[in-house]
PDB file of N, CA and C in Angstrom:
ATOM      1  N   UNK A   1      49.967 280.888 100.409  1.00  0.00           N
ATOM      2  CA  UNK A   1      50.431 281.665  98.946  1.00  0.00           C
ATOM      3  C   UNK A   1      49.115 282.480  98.435  1.00  0.00           C
ATOM      4  N   UNK A   2      49.269 283.347  97.710  1.00  0.00           N
ATOM      5  CA  UNK A   2      48.513 284.085  97.143  1.00  0.00           C
ATOM      6  C   UNK A   2      47.542 283.766  95.982  1.00  0.00           C
ATOM      7  N   UNK A   3      46.368 283.813  95.771  1.00  0.00           N
ATOM      8  CA  UNK A   3      45.521 283.143  95.064  1.00  0.00           C
ATOM      9  C   UNK A   3      46.268 283.681  93.518  1.00  0.00           C
ATOM     10  N   UNK A   4      46.630 285.020  93.426  1.00  0.00           N
ATOM     11  CA  UNK A   4      47.321 285.183  91.698  1.00  0.00           C
ATOM     12  C   UNK A   4      48.402 284.239  91.816  1.00  0.00           C
ATOM     13  N   UNK A   5      49.404 283.806  92.163  1.00  0.00           N
ATOM     14  CA  UNK A   5      50.726 283.267  92.459  1.00  0.00           C
ATOM     15  C   UNK A   5      50.187 281.811  91.974  1.00  0.00           C
ATOM     16  N   UNK A   6      49.097 281.154  92.799  1.00  0.00           N
ATOM     17  CA  UNK A   6      48.602 280.144  92.261  1.00  0.00           C
ATOM     18  C   UNK A   6      48.296 279.732  90.858  1.00  0.00           C
ATOM     19  N   UNK A   7      47.649 281.225  90.423  1.00  0.00           N
ATOM     20  CA  UNK A   7      46.912 280.970  88.949  1.00  0.00           C
ATOM     21  C   UNK A   7      48.027 281.434  88.181  1.00  0.00           C
ATOM     22  N   UNK A   8      49.083 281.912  88.806  1.00  0.00           N
ATOM     23  CA  UNK A   8      50.319 282.170  87.542  1.00  0.00           C
ATOM     24  C   UNK A   8      51.129 280.851  87.407  1.00  0.00           C
ATOM     25  N   UNK A   9      51.184 280.271  88.332  1.00  0.00           N
ATOM     26  CA  UNK A   9      51.971 278.996  88.463  1.00  0.00           C
ATOM     27  C   UNK A   9      51.263 278.270  87.318  1.00  0.00           C
ATOM     28  N   UNK A  10      50.014 277.880  87.910  1.00  0.00           N
ATOM     29  CA  UNK A  10      48.986 277.028  87.053  1.00  0.00           C
ATOM     30  C   UNK A  10      49.166 277.452  85.316  1.00  0.00           C
ATOM     31  N   UNK A  11      48.950 278.691  85.224  1.00  0.00           N
ATOM     32  CA  UNK A  11      48.714 279.258  83.929  1.00  0.00           C
ATOM     33  C   UNK A  11      50.258 278.687  82.895  1.00  0.00           C
ATOM     34  N   UNK A  12      51.472 279.026  83.694  1.00  0.00           N
ATOM     35  CA  UNK A  12      52.811 278.858  83.309  1.00  0.00           C
ATOM     36  C   UNK A  12      52.831 277.505  82.989  1.00  0.00           C
ATOM     37  N   UNK A  13      52.115 276.301  83.837  1.00  0.00           N
ATOM     38  CA  UNK A  13      52.257 274.722  83.447  1.00  0.00           C
ATOM     39  C   UNK A  13      51.757 274.671  82.653  1.00  0.00           C
ATOM     40  N   UNK A  14      50.464 275.443  81.795  1.00  0.00           N
ATOM     41  CA  UNK A  14      49.627 274.887  80.992  1.00  0.00           C
ATOM     42  C   UNK A  14      50.020 275.317  79.843  1.00  0.00           C
ATOM     43  N   UNK A  15      50.827 276.155  79.735  1.00  0.00           N
ATOM     44  CA  UNK A  15      51.453 276.669  78.589  1.00  0.00           C
ATOM     45  C   UNK A  15      52.551 275.995  78.188  1.00  0.00           C
ATOM     46  N   UNK A  16      53.057 275.567  79.345  1.00  0.00           N
ATOM     47  CA  UNK A  16      54.557 274.617  78.724  1.00  0.00           C
ATOM     48  C   UNK A  16      53.858 273.241  78.525  1.00  0.00           C
ATOM     49  N   UNK A  17      52.961 272.466  79.105  1.00  0.00           N
ATOM     50  CA  UNK A  17      52.169 271.209  78.229  1.00  0.00           C
ATOM     51  C   UNK A  17      51.829 271.599  77.182  1.00  0.00           C
ATOM     52  N   UNK A  18      51.524 272.684  76.869  1.00  0.00           N
ATOM     53  CA  UNK A  18      50.682 273.001  75.121  1.00  0.00           C
ATOM     54  C   UNK A  18      51.743 272.966  74.145  1.00  0.00           C
ATOM     55  N   UNK A  19      53.162 273.415  74.886  1.00  0.00           N
ATOM     56  CA  UNK A  19      54.213 273.826  74.019  1.00  0.00           C
ATOM     57  C   UNK A  19      54.998 272.559  73.770  1.00  0.00           C
ATOM     58  N   UNK A  20      54.801 271.290  74.621  1.00  0.00           N
ATOM     59  CA  UNK A  20      55.339 270.228  74.356  1.00  0.00           C
ATOM     60  C   UNK A  20      54.542 269.344  73.563  1.00  0.00           C
ATOM     61  N   UNK A  21      53.003 269.497  73.707  1.00  0.00           N
ATOM     62  CA  UNK A  21      52.416 268.767  72.884  1.00  0.00           C
ATOM     63  C   UNK A  21      52.605 269.256  71.343  1.00  0.00           C
ATOM     64  N   UNK A  22      52.605 270.599  71.527  1.00  0.00           N
ATOM     65  CA  UNK A  22      52.786 270.959  69.827  1.00  0.00           C
ATOM     66  C   UNK A  22      54.134 270.485  68.976  1.00  0.00           C
ATOM     67  N   UNK A  23      55.196 270.473  69.909  1.00  0.00           N
ATOM     68  CA  UNK A  23      56.665 270.036  69.630  1.00  0.00           C
ATOM     69  C   UNK A  23      56.420 268.785  69.654  1.00  0.00           C
ATOM     70  N   UNK A  24      55.953 267.736  70.285  1.00  0.00           N
ATOM     71  CA  UNK A  24      55.897 266.327  69.830  1.00  0.00           C
ATOM     72  C   UNK A  24      54.658 266.359  68.773  1.00  0.00           C
ATOM     73  N   UNK A  25      53.925 266.815  68.337  1.00  0.00           N
ATOM     74  CA  UNK A  25      53.200 266.651  67.014  1.00  0.00           C
ATOM     75  C   UNK A  25      53.870 267.150  65.908  1.00  0.00           C
ATOM     76  N   UNK A  26      54.583 268.081  65.959  1.00  0.00           N
ATOM     77  CA  UNK A  26      55.543 268.522  64.551  1.00  0.00           C
ATOM     78  C   UNK A  26      56.705 267.248  64.475  1.00  0.00           C
ATOM     79  N   UNK A  27      56.885 266.743  65.419  1.00  0.00           N
ATOM     80  CA  UNK A  27      57.798 265.814  65.273  1.00  0.00           C
ATOM     81  C   UNK A  27      58.034 265.136  64.350  1.00  0.00           C
ATOM     82  N   UNK A  28      56.566 264.619  64.201  1.00  0.00           N
ATOM     83  CA  UNK A  28      56.175 263.300  63.078  1.00  0.00           C
ATOM     84  C   UNK A  28      56.148 261.814  63.587  1.00  0.00           C
ATOM     85  N   UNK A  29      56.054 261.211  62.688  1.00  0.00           N
ATOM     86  CA  UNK A  29      56.189 259.351  63.137  1.00  0.00           C
ATOM     87  C   UNK A  29      57.429 259.048  63.841  1.00  0.00           C
ATOM     88  N   UNK A  30      57.332 258.122  64.734  1.00  0.00           N
ATOM     89  CA  UNK A  30      58.600 257.935  64.935  1.00  0.00           C
ATOM     90  C   UNK A  30      59.287 256.992  64.359  1.00  0.00           C
ATOM     91  N   UNK A  31      60.624 256.743  64.484  1.00  0.00           N
ATOM     92  CA  UNK A  31      61.428 256.438  63.670  1.00  0.00           C
ATOM     93  C   UNK A  31      61.326 254.803  63.370  1.00  0.00           C
ATOM     94  N   UNK A  32      61.894 254.072  62.332  1.00  0.00           N
ATOM     95  CA  UNK A  32      61.490 252.329  62.407  1.00  0.00           C
ATOM     96  C   UNK A  32      62.422 251.800  63.009  1.00  0.00           C
ATOM     97  N   UNK A  33      61.780 250.939  63.722  1.00  0.00           N
ATOM     98  CA  UNK A  33      62.956 250.116  64.932  1.00  0.00           C
ATOM     99  C   UNK A  33      63.675 249.446  64.352  1.00  0.00           C
ATOM    100  N   UNK A  34      64.946 249.496  65.675  1.00  0.00           N
ATOM    101  CA  UNK A  34      65.883 249.421  64.976  1.00  0.00           C
ATOM    102  C   UNK A  34      66.322 247.639  64.789  1.00  0.00           C
ATOM    103  N   UNK A  35      67.604 247.444  64.352  1.00  0.00           N
ATOM    104  CA  UNK A  35      67.578 245.781  64.214  1.00  0.00           C
ATOM    105  C   UNK A  35      67.685 245.479  65.503  1.00  0.00           C
ATOM    106  N   UNK A  36      67.184 244.235  66.086  1.00  0.00           N
ATOM    107  CA  UNK A  36      67.712 243.444  67.673  1.00  0.00           C
ATOM    108  C   UNK A  36      66.535 244.146  68.239  1.00  0.00           C
ATOM    109  N   UNK A  37      65.480 244.645  68.054  1.00  0.00           N
ATOM    110  CA  UNK A  37      64.483 245.382  69.119  1.00  0.00           C
ATOM    111  C   UNK A  37      63.417 244.444  69.825  1.00  0.00           C
ATOM    112  N   UNK A  38      63.773 243.257  68.606  1.00  0.00           N
ATOM    113  CA  UNK A  38      62.480 242.013  68.746  1.00  0.00           C
ATOM    114  C   UNK A  38      61.094 242.239  67.803  1.00  0.00           C
ATOM    115  N   UNK A  39      61.105 243.261  67.219  1.00  0.00           N
ATOM    116  CA  UNK A  39      60.228 243.589  66.703  1.00  0.00           C
ATOM    117  C   UNK A  39      60.441 242.965  64.897  1.00  0.00           C
ATOM    118  N   UNK A  40      59.564 242.539  64.479  1.00  0.00           N
ATOM    119  CA  UNK A  40      60.114 241.848  63.099  1.00  0.00           C
ATOM    120  C   UNK A  40      58.659 242.132  62.024  1.00  0.00           C
ATOM    121  N   UNK A  41      59.069 241.878  61.111  1.00  0.00           N
ATOM    122  CA  UNK A  41      57.975 241.976  60.066  1.00  0.00           C
ATOM    123  C   UNK A  41      58.034 240.693  58.891  1.00  0.00           C
ATOM    124  N   UNK A  42      57.121 240.222  58.375  1.00  0.00           N
ATOM    125  CA  UNK A  42      57.132 239.439  57.681  1.00  0.00           C
ATOM    126  C   UNK A  42      57.088 239.558  56.052  1.00  0.00           C
ATOM    127  N   UNK A  43      58.614 238.975  55.382  1.00  0.00           N
ATOM    128  CA  UNK A  43      58.246 239.629  54.340  1.00  0.00           C
ATOM    129  C   UNK A  43      57.667 238.352  53.206  1.00  0.00           C
ATOM    130  N   UNK A  44      56.839 239.195  52.298  1.00  0.00           N
ATOM    131  CA  UNK A  44      56.439 237.970  51.357  1.00  0.00           C
ATOM    132  C   UNK A  44      57.324 237.037  50.527  1.00  0.00           C
ATOM    133  N   UNK A  45      57.284 235.667  50.295  1.00  0.00           N
ATOM    134  CA  UNK A  45      58.202 235.273  49.627  1.00  0.00           C
ATOM    135  C   UNK A  45      57.987 235.693  48.463  1.00  0.00           C
ATOM    136  N   UNK A  46      59.306 235.731  47.276  1.00  0.00           N
ATOM    137  CA  UNK A  46      59.433 236.095  46.007  1.00  0.00           C
ATOM    138  C   UNK A  46      58.523 235.258  45.062  1.00  0.00           C
ATOM    139  N   UNK A  47      57.874 235.572  44.201  1.00  0.00           N
ATOM    140  CA  UNK A  47      57.224 234.799  43.406  1.00  0.00           C
ATOM    141  C   UNK A  47      58.201 234.069  42.479  1.00  0.00           C
ATOM    142  N   UNK A  48      58.873 232.953  42.698  1.00  0.00           N
ATOM    143  CA  UNK A  48      59.969 232.495  41.835  1.00  0.00           C
ATOM    144  C   UNK A  48      59.443 231.530  41.276  1.00  0.00           C
ATOM    145  N   UNK A  49      58.237 231.061  40.979  1.00  0.00           N
ATOM    146  CA  UNK A  49      57.648 229.964  40.158  1.00  0.00           C
ATOM    147  C   UNK A  49      57.783 228.576  40.554  1.00  0.00           C
ATOM    148  N   UNK A  50      58.063 228.285  41.970  1.00  0.00           N
ATOM    149  CA  UNK A  50      58.166 227.389  42.142  1.00  0.00           C
ATOM    150  C   UNK A  50      56.584 226.659  42.930  1.00  0.00           C
ATOM    151  N   UNK A  51      55.994 227.387  43.425  1.00  0.00           N
ATOM    152  CA  UNK A  51      54.492 227.106  43.834  1.00  0.00           C
ATOM    153  C   UNK A  51      53.821 226.885  42.448  1.00  0.00           C
ATOM    154  N   UNK A  52      53.838 226.017  41.421  1.00  0.00           N
ATOM    155  CA  UNK A  52      52.985 226.025  40.695  1.00  0.00           C
ATOM    156  C   UNK A  52      51.597 225.607  40.744  1.00  0.00           C
ATOM    157  N   UNK A  53      50.691 226.072  40.173  1.00  0.00           N
ATOM    158  CA  UNK A  53      49.210 225.183  40.148  1.00  0.00           C
ATOM    159  C   UNK A  53      49.244 223.704  40.481  1.00  0.00           C
ATOM    160  N   UNK A  54      50.015 223.238  39.822  1.00  0.00           N
ATOM    161  CA  UNK A  54      50.270 221.575  39.868  1.00  0.00           C
ATOM    162  C   UNK A  54      51.000 221.165  41.002  1.00  0.00           C
ATOM    163  N   UNK A  55      51.873 222.091  41.479  1.00  0.00           N
ATOM    164  CA  UNK A  55      52.767 221.471  42.973  1.00  0.00           C
ATOM    165  C   UNK A  55      51.538 221.735  44.018  1.00  0.00           C
ATOM    166  N   UNK A  56      50.720 222.738  44.101  1.00  0.00           N
ATOM    167  CA  UNK A  56      49.611 223.064  44.880  1.00  0.00           C
ATOM    168  C   UNK A  56      48.688 222.230  44.783  1.00  0.00           C
ATOM    169  N   UNK A  57      48.431 221.257  43.586  1.00  0.00           N
ATOM    170  CA  UNK A  57      47.184 220.466  44.005  1.00  0.00           C
ATOM    171  C   UNK A  57      48.210 218.868  44.702  1.00  0.00           C
ATOM    172  N   UNK A  58      49.031 219.198  44.039  1.00  0.00           N
ATOM    173  CA  UNK A  58      50.007 217.590  44.934  1.00  0.00           C
ATOM    174  C   UNK A  58      50.679 217.997  46.078  1.00  0.00           C
ATOM    175  N   UNK A  59      50.639 219.013  47.044  1.00  0.00           N
ATOM    176  CA  UNK A  59      51.299 219.240  47.817  1.00  0.00           C
ATOM    177  C   UNK A  59      50.383 218.357  49.306  1.00  0.00           C
ATOM    178  N   UNK A  60      51.466 217.769  49.955  1.00  0.00           N
ATOM    179  CA  UNK A  60      50.935 217.330  51.366  1.00  0.00           C
ATOM    180  C   UNK A  60      51.155 218.017  52.547  1.00  0.00           C
ATOM    181  N   UNK A  61      50.533 217.815  53.878  1.00  0.00           N
ATOM    182  CA  UNK A  61      51.045 218.779  54.795  1.00  0.00           C
ATOM    183  C   UNK A  61      52.141 217.785  55.381  1.00  0.00           C
ATOM    184  N   UNK A  62      53.153 218.358  56.159  1.00  0.00           N
ATOM    185  CA  UNK A  62      54.404 217.660  56.500  1.00  0.00           C
ATOM    186  C   UNK A  62      53.501 216.705  57.653  1.00  0.00           C
ATOM    187  N   UNK A  63      54.376 215.773  58.073  1.00  0.00           N
ATOM    188  CA  UNK A  63      54.343 215.005  59.411  1.00  0.00           C
ATOM    189  C   UNK A  63      54.530 216.111  60.284  1.00  0.00           C
ATOM    190  N   UNK A  64      53.562 215.832  61.518  1.00  0.00           N
ATOM    191  CA  UNK A  64      53.913 216.491  62.676  1.00  0.00           C
ATOM    192  C   UNK A  64      53.960 215.388  63.686  1.00  0.00           C
ATOM    193  N   UNK A  65      55.190 216.175  64.816  1.00  0.00           N
ATOM    194  CA  UNK A  65      55.646 214.846  65.892  1.00  0.00           C
ATOM    195  C   UNK A  65      54.413 214.949  66.778  1.00  0.00           C
ATOM    196  N   UNK A  66      54.524 213.687  67.188  1.00  0.00           N
ATOM    197  CA  UNK A  66      53.458 212.897  68.076  1.00  0.00           C
ATOM    198  C   UNK A  66      53.731 213.404  69.229  1.00  0.00           C
ATOM    199  N   UNK A  67      52.614 213.548  70.691  1.00  0.00           N
ATOM    200  CA  UNK A  67      52.841 213.806  71.520  1.00  0.00           C
ATOM    201  C   UNK A  67      53.298 212.426  72.645  1.00  0.00           C
ATOM    202  N   UNK A  68      54.516 212.751  73.250  1.00  0.00           N
ATOM    203  CA  UNK A  68      54.954 211.588  73.930  1.00  0.00           C
ATOM    204  C   UNK A  68      53.971 211.236  75.189  1.00  0.00           C
ATOM    205  N   UNK A  69      53.138 212.419  76.022  1.00  0.00           N
ATOM    206  CA  UNK A  69      52.707 212.201  77.158  1.00  0.00           C
ATOM    207  C   UNK A  69      51.666 211.734  77.474  1.00  0.00           C
TER     208      UNK A  69
END
């Protein structure tokens, strides 16, 4: 293969890679995950007034199960 043919192929490949990179960058961020993909986000609890300062002071940890082993 001639050197000029190799340079032409390498140049075409470089241009194609550049076009792909520019088009990918212009596409913007990826879309949000679809339901059922395993990704989740924890939503903050609504401020319904249940956890008043008095209830927070009176709160006790839930009992934990004991290890049988």
